[in-house]
Amino acid sequence: MNYTEQQLTSAVSSGGLRPVLAAIESGVPASMLSLIQKCWDANPQTRPSFNDIVLELDDMLQQRKKMEKEDLSLHQPPISHVHQVMDDVNNLHTYQEKINWSTQGECVSKGASFGVHSGFRMWLDGFDDPLAYHLVLSWGSFATCGRRESMEDMHFLMPFLCNEKDVHAFGIFDGHRGAAAAEFSVQALPEFLKALGSMCSPADALVEAFVRTDVAFRDELDSHRKSRRVFQKDWHPGCTAAVALIVKNKLFVANAGDCRTILCRRGCPVALSRDHVASRPEERNRVVSAGGEVKWQVDTWRVGRAALQVCLSVIFFRF
């Protein structure tokens, strides 16, 4: 049985759903099992306070240390083996800390750019109308991680892109399974967009920037996996994306996933993007036709693992 976050909350609070405790044969201390059971008591008044939990955990930790010390005295491993294990752990920790996905995204995209940015003259000349409406632009952002332990979403605000007064870009990236894809994309996609500014139309540049960002992140992730094999095999971070590009008085919008772009016109909302979700029949048909898998889970259609493996995951099916 799978639950959405809201369904799980409801099942726990009103349906009496509780976790199944591990058997004592599993090696989990009886004191830990007892503490977990007390924390899940149906009566809030009988649950231990936070201070009580800390005290009990501290007692367990001291008991554990005492037992480990006794075990070490009975089974002392060679010193060289201990040092080797500690070195391996430290090296693994250091390597994982070194992966800065924001920096990776910036470096990869700049390395793949075609020389020095030569401006957006092609874009600007295509909309050269002296009688056109002159845009008055204001911008802002707000971000919060909500109930999550860490922020997985990113955004960029780039008014006056490359110091060009009539070109502006804004983007939002909603990460899943960690922030890696969103952190990479928030740096890479604008750089790809700049590089494409003198090569194709604004609409084509947006499409190509999305595709190149997706390919670049997948390649970078695969490279790290192959070089050190630090990551879990089933770790497939990704993100959705929505980017708005303004050229003079023209607005272009691209999206992948369920990031939503809405225009407010005379106080009325106008949808500028369409969610790429499996609950839409045309989306299900598109994914299945491209070799993907769609399943009914709990209360809605969901795309299988294949479409969640890379950044902007189903971008290949979309454009």
C-alpha atoms as a PDB file:
ATOM      1  CA  MET A   1       0.000   0.000   0.000  1.00  0.00           C
ATOM      2  CA  ASN A   2       1.384   3.391  -0.976  1.00  0.00           C
ATOM      3  CA  TYR A   3       0.345   6.693   0.605  1.00  0.00           C
ATOM      4  CA  THR A   4       0.603  10.303  -0.401  1.00  0.00           C
ATOM      5  CA  GLU A   5       1.865  12.605   2.361  1.00  0.00           C
ATOM      6  CA  GLN A   6      -1.679  13.755   3.141  1.00  0.00           C
ATOM      7  CA  GLN A   7      -3.036  10.192   3.177  1.00  0.00           C
ATOM      8  CA  LEU A   8      -0.252   9.025   5.462  1.00  0.00           C
ATOM      9  CA  THR A   9      -0.912  11.878   7.907  1.00  0.00           C
ATOM     10  CA  SER A  10      -4.614  11.045   7.959  1.00  0.00           C
ATOM     11  CA  ALA A  11      -3.991   7.317   8.392  1.00  0.00           C
ATOM     12  CA  VAL A  12      -1.677   7.908  11.356  1.00  0.00           C
ATOM     13  CA  SER A  13      -3.736  10.572  13.127  1.00  0.00           C
ATOM     14  CA  SER A  14      -7.247   9.216  12.619  1.00  0.00           C
ATOM     15  CA  GLY A  15      -6.892   5.705  11.211  1.00  0.00           C
ATOM     16  CA  GLY A  16      -4.593   4.299  13.867  1.00  0.00           C
ATOM     17  CA  LEU A  17      -1.828   3.372  11.427  1.00  0.00           C
ATOM     18  CA  ARG A  18       1.358   2.381  13.248  1.00  0.00           C
ATOM     19  CA  PRO A  19       4.727   0.983  12.126  1.00  0.00           C
ATOM     20  CA  VAL A  20       5.509  -2.699  12.557  1.00  0.00           C
ATOM     21  CA  LEU A  21       8.318  -3.013  15.087  1.00  0.00           C
ATOM     22  CA  ALA A  22      11.350  -5.120  14.329  1.00  0.00           C
ATOM     23  CA  ALA A  23      11.555  -8.472  16.077  1.00  0.00           C
ATOM     24  CA  ILE A  24      13.909  -8.771  19.023  1.00  0.00           C
ATOM     25  CA  GLU A  25      15.790 -11.419  17.001  1.00  0.00           C
ATOM     26  CA  SER A  26      16.869  -8.693  14.570  1.00  0.00           C
ATOM     27  CA  GLY A  27      19.356  -7.420  17.119  1.00  0.00           C
ATOM     28  CA  VAL A  28      17.578  -4.154  17.897  1.00  0.00           C
ATOM     29  CA  PRO A  29      17.882  -3.439  21.645  1.00  0.00           C
ATOM     30  CA  ALA A  30      14.712  -4.120  23.594  1.00  0.00           C
ATOM     31  CA  SER A  31      14.992  -0.651  25.144  1.00  0.00           C
ATOM     32  CA  MET A  32      14.888   0.932  21.667  1.00  0.00           C
ATOM     33  CA  LEU A  33      11.818  -1.075  20.661  1.00  0.00           C
ATOM     34  CA  SER A  34      10.118  -0.099  23.911  1.00  0.00           C
ATOM     35  CA  LEU A  35      10.905   3.588  23.363  1.00  0.00           C
ATOM     36  CA  ILE A  36       9.550   3.510  19.801  1.00  0.00           C
ATOM     37  CA  GLN A  37       6.374   1.837  20.992  1.00  0.00           C
ATOM     38  CA  LYS A  38       5.861   4.478  23.689  1.00  0.00           C
ATOM     39  CA  CYS A  39       6.395   7.292  21.171  1.00  0.00           C
ATOM     40  CA  TRP A  40       3.629   5.863  18.982  1.00  0.00           C
ATOM     41  CA  ASP A  41       1.150   5.447  21.833  1.00  0.00           C
ATOM     42  CA  ALA A  42      -2.392   6.380  20.821  1.00  0.00           C
ATOM     43  CA  ASN A  43      -2.759   8.529  23.948  1.00  0.00           C
ATOM     44  CA  PRO A  44      -0.653  11.718  23.604  1.00  0.00           C
ATOM     45  CA  GLN A  45      -0.533  12.087  27.389  1.00  0.00           C
ATOM     46  CA  THR A  46       1.394   8.850  27.832  1.00  0.00           C
ATOM     47  CA  ARG A  47       3.991   9.555  25.156  1.00  0.00           C
ATOM     48  CA  PRO A  48       7.452  10.504  26.472  1.00  0.00           C
ATOM     49  CA  SER A  49       8.536  14.131  26.299  1.00  0.00           C
ATOM     50  CA  PHE A  50      11.457  15.180  24.128  1.00  0.00           C
ATOM     51  CA  ASN A  51      13.719  15.411  27.172  1.00  0.00           C
ATOM     52  CA  ASP A  52      12.706  11.906  28.247  1.00  0.00           C
ATOM     53  CA  ILE A  53      13.518  10.588  24.774  1.00  0.00           C
ATOM     54  CA  VAL A  54      16.952  12.233  24.831  1.00  0.00           C
ATOM     55  CA  LEU A  55      17.721  10.765  28.253  1.00  0.00           C
ATOM     56  CA  GLU A  56      16.700   7.262  27.212  1.00  0.00           C
ATOM     57  CA  LEU A  57      18.708   7.477  23.992  1.00  0.00           C
ATOM     58  CA  ASP A  58      21.717   8.675  25.954  1.00  0.00           C
ATOM     59  CA  ASP A  59      21.422   5.669  28.278  1.00  0.00           C
ATOM     60  CA  MET A  60      21.251   3.359  25.263  1.00  0.00           C
ATOM     61  CA  LEU A  61      24.313   5.017  23.750  1.00  0.00           C
ATOM     62  CA  GLN A  62      26.322   4.556  26.916  1.00  0.00           C
ATOM     63  CA  GLN A  63      25.304   0.900  27.100  1.00  0.00           C
ATOM     64  CA  ARG A  64      26.281   0.456  23.466  1.00  0.00           C
ATOM     65  CA  LYS A  65      29.702   2.006  24.006  1.00  0.00           C
ATOM     66  CA  LYS A  66      30.270  -0.221  27.005  1.00  0.00           C
ATOM     67  CA  MET A  67      29.375  -3.327  25.008  1.00  0.00           C
ATOM     68  CA  GLU A  68      31.590  -2.302  22.085  1.00  0.00           C
ATOM     69  CA  LYS A  69      34.521  -1.729  24.441  1.00  0.00           C
ATOM     70  CA  GLU A  70      34.062  -5.204  25.887  1.00  0.00           C
ATOM     71  CA  ASP A  71      33.849  -6.725  22.401  1.00  0.00           C
ATOM     72  CA  LEU A  72      37.011  -4.919  21.296  1.00  0.00           C
ATOM     73  CA  SER A  73      38.932  -6.279  24.244  1.00  0.00           C
ATOM     74  CA  LEU A  74      37.916  -9.806  23.248  1.00  0.00           C
ATOM     75  CA  HIS A  75      38.353  -9.444  19.495  1.00  0.00           C
ATOM     76  CA  GLN A  76      41.044  -6.858  18.807  1.00  0.00           C
ATOM     77  CA  PRO A  77      41.551  -6.448  15.023  1.00  0.00           C
ATOM     78  CA  PRO A  78      44.958  -5.644  13.539  1.00  0.00           C
ATOM     79  CA  ILE A  79      45.843  -1.955  13.847  1.00  0.00           C
ATOM     80  CA  SER A  80      46.547  -1.664  10.128  1.00  0.00           C
ATOM     81  CA  HIS A  81      43.056  -2.960   9.301  1.00  0.00           C
ATOM     82  CA  VAL A  82      41.416  -0.386  11.593  1.00  0.00           C
ATOM     83  CA  HIS A  83      43.414   2.423   9.991  1.00  0.00           C
ATOM     84  CA  GLN A  84      42.467   1.221   6.504  1.00  0.00           C
ATOM     85  CA  VAL A  85      38.756   1.160   7.357  1.00  0.00           C
ATOM     86  CA  MET A  86      38.927   4.658   8.857  1.00  0.00           C
ATOM     87  CA  ASP A  87      40.791   5.969   5.803  1.00  0.00           C
ATOM     88  CA  ASP A  88      38.148   4.508   3.488  1.00  0.00           C
ATOM     89  CA  VAL A  89      35.343   6.106   5.497  1.00  0.00           C
ATOM     90  CA  ASN A  90      37.093   9.483   5.588  1.00  0.00           C
ATOM     91  CA  ASN A  91      37.838   9.378   1.864  1.00  0.00           C
ATOM     92  CA  LEU A  92      34.231   8.548   1.060  1.00  0.00           C
ATOM     93  CA  HIS A  93      32.942  11.375   3.249  1.00  0.00           C
ATOM     94  CA  THR A  94      35.398  13.850   1.735  1.00  0.00           C
ATOM     95  CA  TYR A  95      34.507  12.877  -1.827  1.00  0.00           C
ATOM     96  CA  GLN A  96      30.792  13.259  -1.206  1.00  0.00           C
ATOM     97  CA  GLU A  97      31.337  16.693   0.308  1.00  0.00           C
ATOM     98  CA  LYS A  98      33.361  17.831  -2.719  1.00  0.00           C
ATOM     99  CA  ILE A  99      30.483  17.413  -5.168  1.00  0.00           C
ATOM    100  CA  ASN A 100      29.029  20.891  -5.506  1.00  0.00           C
ATOM    101  CA  TRP A 101      26.290  20.512  -8.092  1.00  0.00           C
ATOM    102  CA  SER A 102      25.879  24.262  -8.584  1.00  0.00           C
ATOM    103  CA  THR A 103      29.547  24.588  -9.507  1.00  0.00           C
ATOM    104  CA  GLN A 104      29.339  21.469 -11.672  1.00  0.00           C
ATOM    105  CA  GLY A 105      26.405  22.914 -13.601  1.00  0.00           C
ATOM    106  CA  GLU A 106      28.165  26.199 -14.231  1.00  0.00           C
ATOM    107  CA  CYS A 107      31.441  24.599 -15.331  1.00  0.00           C
ATOM    108  CA  VAL A 108      29.850  22.015 -17.616  1.00  0.00           C
ATOM    109  CA  SER A 109      27.586  24.512 -19.368  1.00  0.00           C
ATOM    110  CA  LYS A 110      30.355  27.058 -19.893  1.00  0.00           C
ATOM    111  CA  GLY A 111      32.669  24.359 -21.190  1.00  0.00           C
ATOM    112  CA  ALA A 112      30.042  23.293 -23.716  1.00  0.00           C
ATOM    113  CA  SER A 113      29.311  26.857 -24.885  1.00  0.00           C
ATOM    114  CA  PHE A 114      30.481  27.990 -28.280  1.00  0.00           C
ATOM    115  CA  GLY A 115      33.099  30.544 -27.443  1.00  0.00           C
ATOM    116  CA  VAL A 116      32.308  34.030 -26.191  1.00  0.00           C
ATOM    117  CA  HIS A 117      28.685  35.112 -25.939  1.00  0.00           C
ATOM    118  CA  SER A 118      27.947  37.277 -28.965  1.00  0.00           C
ATOM    119  CA  GLY A 119      24.747  38.912 -27.782  1.00  0.00           C
ATOM    120  CA  PHE A 120      21.064  38.642 -28.574  1.00  0.00           C
ATOM    121  CA  ARG A 121      20.996  40.750 -31.740  1.00  0.00           C
ATOM    122  CA  MET A 122      19.041  38.082 -33.638  1.00  0.00           C
ATOM    123  CA  TRP A 123      16.343  38.122 -30.969  1.00  0.00           C
ATOM    124  CA  LEU A 124      16.145  41.881 -30.681  1.00  0.00           C
ATOM    125  CA  ASP A 125      16.083  42.551 -34.418  1.00  0.00           C
ATOM    126  CA  GLY A 126      13.189  40.141 -34.798  1.00  0.00           C
ATOM    127  CA  PHE A 127      10.989  42.276 -32.556  1.00  0.00           C
ATOM    128  CA  ASP A 128      12.075  45.738 -33.650  1.00  0.00           C
ATOM    129  CA  ASP A 129       8.798  47.661 -33.625  1.00  0.00           C
ATOM    130  CA  PRO A 130       9.102  51.308 -32.515  1.00  0.00           C
ATOM    131  CA  LEU A 131       5.370  51.427 -31.723  1.00  0.00           C
ATOM    132  CA  ALA A 132       5.436  48.325 -29.532  1.00  0.00           C
ATOM    133  CA  TYR A 133       4.563  48.415 -25.854  1.00  0.00           C
ATOM    134  CA  HIS A 134       7.568  49.189 -23.645  1.00  0.00           C
ATOM    135  CA  LEU A 135       7.772  46.721 -20.805  1.00  0.00           C
ATOM    136  CA  VAL A 136       7.897  47.902 -17.187  1.00  0.00           C
ATOM    137  CA  LEU A 137       9.480  45.066 -15.242  1.00  0.00           C
ATOM    138  CA  SER A 138       9.531  44.212 -11.551  1.00  0.00           C
ATOM    139  CA  TRP A 139      10.530  40.908  -9.964  1.00  0.00           C
ATOM    140  CA  GLY A 140      10.847  39.081  -6.678  1.00  0.00           C
ATOM    141  CA  SER A 141      11.016  35.628  -5.158  1.00  0.00           C
ATOM    142  CA  PHE A 142      10.229  33.680  -2.008  1.00  0.00           C
ATOM    143  CA  ALA A 143      11.426  30.183  -1.138  1.00  0.00           C
ATOM    144  CA  THR A 144      10.811  27.836   1.775  1.00  0.00           C
ATOM    145  CA  CYS A 145      11.509  24.136   2.226  1.00  0.00           C
ATOM    146  CA  GLY A 146       8.195  23.606   4.021  1.00  0.00           C
ATOM    147  CA  ARG A 147       8.103  20.329   5.945  1.00  0.00           C
ATOM    148  CA  ARG A 148      11.226  18.941   4.316  1.00  0.00           C
ATOM    149  CA  GLU A 149      14.489  18.763   6.229  1.00  0.00           C
ATOM    150  CA  SER A 150      16.388  20.570   3.472  1.00  0.00           C
ATOM    151  CA  MET A 151      15.640  22.783   0.491  1.00  0.00           C
ATOM    152  CA  GLU A 152      15.397  20.878  -2.801  1.00  0.00           C
ATOM    153  CA  ASP A 153      14.114  23.737  -4.965  1.00  0.00           C
ATOM    154  CA  MET A 154      16.123  26.420  -6.765  1.00  0.00           C
ATOM    155  CA  HIS A 155      15.407  29.501  -8.842  1.00  0.00           C
ATOM    156  CA  PHE A 156      17.210  32.192 -10.801  1.00  0.00           C
ATOM    157  CA  LEU A 157      16.310  35.824 -11.428  1.00  0.00           C
ATOM    158  CA  MET A 158      18.245  37.321 -14.345  1.00  0.00           C
ATOM    159  CA  PRO A 159      16.808  40.661 -15.405  1.00  0.00           C
ATOM    160  CA  PHE A 160      18.875  42.431 -18.068  1.00  0.00           C
ATOM    161  CA  LEU A 161      20.487  39.176 -19.165  1.00  0.00           C
ATOM    162  CA  CYS A 162      24.133  39.759 -20.149  1.00  0.00           C
ATOM    163  CA  ASN A 163      23.556  43.485 -19.517  1.00  0.00           C
ATOM    164  CA  GLU A 164      20.983  43.621 -22.321  1.00  0.00           C
ATOM    165  CA  LYS A 165      18.200  45.973 -21.235  1.00  0.00           C
ATOM    166  CA  ASP A 166      15.490  44.228 -23.287  1.00  0.00           C
ATOM    167  CA  VAL A 167      16.229  40.585 -22.415  1.00  0.00           C
ATOM    168  CA  HIS A 168      15.240  38.998 -19.095  1.00  0.00           C
ATOM    169  CA  ALA A 169      15.111  35.407 -17.832  1.00  0.00           C
ATOM    170  CA  PHE A 170      13.553  33.803 -14.753  1.00  0.00           C
ATOM    171  CA  GLY A 171      13.423  30.143 -13.780  1.00  0.00           C
ATOM    172  CA  ILE A 172      12.195  27.747 -11.094  1.00  0.00           C
ATOM    173  CA  PHE A 173      13.415  24.187 -10.508  1.00  0.00           C
ATOM    174  CA  ASP A 174      11.475  21.836  -8.236  1.00  0.00           C
ATOM    175  CA  GLY A 175      13.858  19.095  -7.136  1.00  0.00           C
ATOM    176  CA  HIS A 176      12.959  15.546  -6.191  1.00  0.00           C
ATOM    177  CA  ARG A 177      15.088  12.874  -4.545  1.00  0.00           C
ATOM    178  CA  GLY A 178      17.456  15.569  -3.367  1.00  0.00           C
ATOM    179  CA  ALA A 179      18.597  18.965  -4.613  1.00  0.00           C
ATOM    180  CA  ALA A 180      21.348  17.765  -6.983  1.00  0.00           C
ATOM    181  CA  ALA A 181      19.425  18.170 -10.248  1.00  0.00           C
ATOM    182  CA  ALA A 182      17.905  21.519  -9.264  1.00  0.00           C
ATOM    183  CA  GLU A 183      21.271  22.902  -8.109  1.00  0.00           C
ATOM    184  CA  PHE A 184      22.923  21.784 -11.338  1.00  0.00           C
ATOM    185  CA  SER A 185      20.129  23.089 -13.589  1.00  0.00           C
ATOM    186  CA  VAL A 186      19.838  26.513 -11.978  1.00  0.00           C
ATOM    187  CA  GLN A 187      23.415  27.208 -13.073  1.00  0.00           C
ATOM    188  CA  ALA A 188      23.583  25.265 -16.330  1.00  0.00           C
ATOM    189  CA  LEU A 189      20.351  26.235 -18.074  1.00  0.00           C
ATOM    190  CA  PRO A 190      20.929  30.019 -18.104  1.00  0.00           C
ATOM    191  CA  GLU A 191      24.440  29.478 -19.486  1.00  0.00           C
ATOM    192  CA  PHE A 192      23.133  27.285 -22.288  1.00  0.00           C
ATOM    193  CA  LEU A 193      20.457  29.894 -22.991  1.00  0.00           C
ATOM    194  CA  LYS A 194      23.083  32.634 -23.310  1.00  0.00           C
ATOM    195  CA  ALA A 195      25.179  30.529 -25.684  1.00  0.00           C
ATOM    196  CA  LEU A 196      22.161  29.894 -27.916  1.00  0.00           C
ATOM    197  CA  GLY A 197      21.111  33.544 -28.042  1.00  0.00           C
ATOM    198  CA  SER A 198      22.920  34.272 -31.295  1.00  0.00           C
ATOM    199  CA  MET A 199      22.116  30.958 -32.978  1.00  0.00           C
ATOM    200  CA  CYS A 200      18.340  30.484 -32.987  1.00  0.00           C
ATOM    201  CA  SER A 201      15.009  32.020 -32.045  1.00  0.00           C
ATOM    202  CA  PRO A 202      14.034  32.551 -28.393  1.00  0.00           C
ATOM    203  CA  ALA A 203      11.559  29.650 -28.509  1.00  0.00           C
ATOM    204  CA  ASP A 204      14.074  27.254 -30.061  1.00  0.00           C
ATOM    205  CA  ALA A 205      16.766  28.425 -27.641  1.00  0.00           C
ATOM    206  CA  LEU A 206      14.549  27.567 -24.670  1.00  0.00           C
ATOM    207  CA  VAL A 207      13.834  24.076 -25.992  1.00  0.00           C
ATOM    208  CA  GLU A 208      17.494  23.396 -26.746  1.00  0.00           C
ATOM    209  CA  ALA A 209      18.635  24.772 -23.373  1.00  0.00           C
ATOM    210  CA  PHE A 210      16.275  22.363 -21.593  1.00  0.00           C
ATOM    211  CA  VAL A 211      17.529  19.386 -23.606  1.00  0.00           C
ATOM    212  CA  ARG A 212      21.210  20.254 -23.142  1.00  0.00           C
ATOM    213  CA  THR A 213      20.759  20.744 -19.407  1.00  0.00           C
ATOM    214  CA  ASP A 214      19.092  17.358 -19.115  1.00  0.00           C
ATOM    215  CA  VAL A 215      21.820  15.585 -21.101  1.00  0.00           C
ATOM    216  CA  ALA A 216      24.619  17.395 -19.248  1.00  0.00           C
ATOM    217  CA  PHE A 217      23.293  16.475 -15.813  1.00  0.00           C
ATOM    218  CA  ARG A 218      22.765  12.846 -16.759  1.00  0.00           C
ATOM    219  CA  ASP A 219      26.296  12.611 -18.164  1.00  0.00           C
ATOM    220  CA  GLU A 220      27.773  14.266 -15.081  1.00  0.00           C
ATOM    221  CA  LEU A 221      25.887  11.957 -12.745  1.00  0.00           C
ATOM    222  CA  ASP A 222      26.972   8.884 -14.701  1.00  0.00           C
ATOM    223  CA  SER A 223      30.563  10.110 -14.667  1.00  0.00           C
ATOM    224  CA  HIS A 224      30.603  10.369 -10.868  1.00  0.00           C
ATOM    225  CA  ARG A 225      29.008   6.954 -10.497  1.00  0.00           C
ATOM    226  CA  LYS A 226      31.579   5.291 -12.757  1.00  0.00           C
ATOM    227  CA  SER A 227      34.607   7.057 -11.321  1.00  0.00           C
ATOM    228  CA  ARG A 228      34.103   6.269  -7.634  1.00  0.00           C
ATOM    229  CA  ARG A 229      30.808   4.390  -7.369  1.00  0.00           C
ATOM    230  CA  VAL A 230      29.897   6.424  -4.308  1.00  0.00           C
ATOM    231  CA  PHE A 231      26.203   6.784  -5.008  1.00  0.00           C
ATOM    232  CA  GLN A 232      23.523   4.190  -4.538  1.00  0.00           C
ATOM    233  CA  LYS A 233      22.471   2.459  -7.726  1.00  0.00           C
ATOM    234  CA  ASP A 234      18.837   3.392  -7.150  1.00  0.00           C
ATOM    235  CA  TRP A 235      19.546   7.089  -6.497  1.00  0.00           C
ATOM    236  CA  HIS A 236      18.021   9.011  -9.394  1.00  0.00           C
ATOM    237  CA  PRO A 237      17.673  12.725  -8.564  1.00  0.00           C
ATOM    238  CA  GLY A 238      15.685  14.944 -10.879  1.00  0.00           C
ATOM    239  CA  CYS A 239      13.744  18.177 -11.082  1.00  0.00           C
ATOM    240  CA  THR A 240      10.922  19.865 -12.886  1.00  0.00           C
ATOM    241  CA  ALA A 241      11.514  23.267 -14.451  1.00  0.00           C
ATOM    242  CA  ALA A 242       9.721  26.381 -15.638  1.00  0.00           C
ATOM    243  CA  VAL A 243      11.559  29.221 -17.374  1.00  0.00           C
ATOM    244  CA  ALA A 244      10.205  32.543 -18.612  1.00  0.00           C
ATOM    245  CA  LEU A 245      12.178  34.478 -21.227  1.00  0.00           C
ATOM    246  CA  ILE A 246      11.237  38.069 -22.041  1.00  0.00           C
ATOM    247  CA  VAL A 247      12.558  39.706 -25.213  1.00  0.00           C
ATOM    248  CA  LYS A 248      11.398  43.316 -25.517  1.00  0.00           C
ATOM    249  CA  ASN A 249       7.591  42.968 -25.209  1.00  0.00           C
ATOM    250  CA  LYS A 250       7.396  39.248 -26.013  1.00  0.00           C
ATOM    251  CA  LEU A 251       7.099  36.534 -23.371  1.00  0.00           C
ATOM    252  CA  PHE A 252       8.252  32.951 -23.969  1.00  0.00           C
ATOM    253  CA  VAL A 253       7.626  30.158 -21.465  1.00  0.00           C
ATOM    254  CA  ALA A 254       8.953  26.590 -21.332  1.00  0.00           C
ATOM    255  CA  ASN A 255       8.220  23.943 -18.719  1.00  0.00           C
ATOM    256  CA  ALA A 256       9.061  20.334 -17.955  1.00  0.00           C
ATOM    257  CA  GLY A 257       7.085  18.476 -15.324  1.00  0.00           C
ATOM    258  CA  ASP A 258       4.445  20.116 -13.164  1.00  0.00           C
ATOM    259  CA  CYS A 259       6.002  23.533 -12.507  1.00  0.00           C
ATOM    260  CA  ARG A 260       3.196  25.905 -13.403  1.00  0.00           C
ATOM    261  CA  THR A 261       3.350  29.333 -15.052  1.00  0.00           C
ATOM    262  CA  ILE A 262       0.356  31.654 -14.732  1.00  0.00           C
ATOM    263  CA  LEU A 263      -0.133  35.103 -16.227  1.00  0.00           C
ATOM    264  CA  CYS A 264      -2.372  37.579 -14.415  1.00  0.00           C
ATOM    265  CA  ARG A 265      -4.175  39.686 -17.022  1.00  0.00           C
ATOM    266  CA  ARG A 266      -6.615  42.323 -15.788  1.00  0.00           C
ATOM    267  CA  GLY A 267      -7.001  40.391 -12.557  1.00  0.00           C
ATOM    268  CA  CYS A 268      -7.754  37.081 -14.289  1.00  0.00           C
ATOM    269  CA  PRO A 269      -5.399  34.053 -14.367  1.00  0.00           C
ATOM    270  CA  VAL A 270      -4.203  32.771 -17.731  1.00  0.00           C
ATOM    271  CA  ALA A 271      -2.373  29.430 -17.850  1.00  0.00           C
ATOM    272  CA  LEU A 272       0.845  29.690 -19.851  1.00  0.00           C
ATOM    273  CA  SER A 273       2.012  26.125 -19.285  1.00  0.00           C
ATOM    274  CA  ARG A 274       0.514  22.659 -19.207  1.00  0.00           C
ATOM    275  CA  ASP A 275       1.446  20.202 -16.469  1.00  0.00           C
ATOM    276  CA  HIS A 276       3.271  17.119 -17.705  1.00  0.00           C
ATOM    277  CA  VAL A 277       1.624  14.649 -15.342  1.00  0.00           C
ATOM    278  CA  ALA A 278       0.432  11.097 -15.880  1.00  0.00           C
ATOM    279  CA  SER A 279      -3.131  11.977 -14.882  1.00  0.00           C
ATOM    280  CA  ARG A 280      -3.546  13.626 -18.298  1.00  0.00           C
ATOM    281  CA  PRO A 281      -4.549  11.058 -20.979  1.00  0.00           C
ATOM    282  CA  GLU A 282      -2.351  12.626 -23.656  1.00  0.00           C
ATOM    283  CA  GLU A 283       0.640  12.483 -21.307  1.00  0.00           C
ATOM    284  CA  ARG A 284       0.048   8.803 -20.527  1.00  0.00           C
ATOM    285  CA  ASN A 285      -0.175   7.990 -24.227  1.00  0.00           C
ATOM    286  CA  ARG A 286       2.982   9.965 -24.973  1.00  0.00           C
ATOM    287  CA  VAL A 287       5.016   8.240 -22.259  1.00  0.00           C
ATOM    288  CA  VAL A 288       3.782   4.753 -23.199  1.00  0.00           C
ATOM    289  CA  SER A 289       4.436   5.410 -26.904  1.00  0.00           C
ATOM    290  CA  ALA A 290       8.019   6.363 -26.063  1.00  0.00           C
ATOM    291  CA  GLY A 291       8.586   3.118 -24.155  1.00  0.00           C
ATOM    292  CA  GLY A 292       7.784   4.382 -20.663  1.00  0.00           C
ATOM    293  CA  GLU A 293       5.549   2.796 -18.047  1.00  0.00           C
ATOM    294  CA  VAL A 294       2.503   4.289 -16.339  1.00  0.00           C
ATOM    295  CA  LYS A 295       0.799   2.668 -13.345  1.00  0.00           C
ATOM    296  CA  TRP A 296      -2.250   3.429 -11.214  1.00  0.00           C
ATOM    297  CA  GLN A 297      -0.993   3.872  -7.644  1.00  0.00           C
ATOM    298  CA  VAL A 298      -3.343   4.572  -4.727  1.00  0.00           C
ATOM    299  CA  ASP A 299      -5.403   7.378  -6.232  1.00  0.00           C
ATOM    300  CA  THR A 300      -3.737   8.566  -9.434  1.00  0.00           C
ATOM    301  CA  TRP A 301      -1.623   7.587 -12.424  1.00  0.00           C
ATOM    302  CA  ARG A 302       2.129   7.667 -11.888  1.00  0.00           C
ATOM    303  CA  VAL A 303       5.075   7.299 -14.248  1.00  0.00           C
ATOM    304  CA  GLY A 304       7.392   4.392 -13.505  1.00  0.00           C
ATOM    305  CA  ARG A 305      11.076   4.546 -12.586  1.00  0.00           C
ATOM    306  CA  ALA A 306      12.314   5.127 -16.143  1.00  0.00           C
ATOM    307  CA  ALA A 307      10.924   8.657 -16.246  1.00  0.00           C
ATOM    308  CA  LEU A 308      12.417   9.610 -12.888  1.00  0.00           C
ATOM    309  CA  GLN A 309      16.019   8.742 -13.555  1.00  0.00           C
ATOM    310  CA  VAL A 310      17.401  12.022 -14.863  1.00  0.00           C
ATOM    311  CA  CYS A 311      16.978  15.736 -14.494  1.00  0.00           C
ATOM    312  CA  LEU A 312      13.946  17.169 -16.311  1.00  0.00           C
ATOM    313  CA  SER A 313      13.167  13.488 -16.513  1.00  0.00           C
ATOM    314  CA  VAL A 314      10.683  13.178 -19.367  1.00  0.00           C
ATOM    315  CA  ILE A 315      12.094  16.022 -21.411  1.00  0.00           C
ATOM    316  CA  PHE A 316      13.011  13.608 -24.230  1.00  0.00           C
ATOM    317  CA  PHE A 317       9.363  12.721 -24.711  1.00  0.00           C
ATOM    318  CA  ARG A 318       8.137  16.257 -24.448  1.00  0.00           C
ATOM    319  CA  PHE A 319       9.593  18.351 -27.250  1.00  0.00           C
END
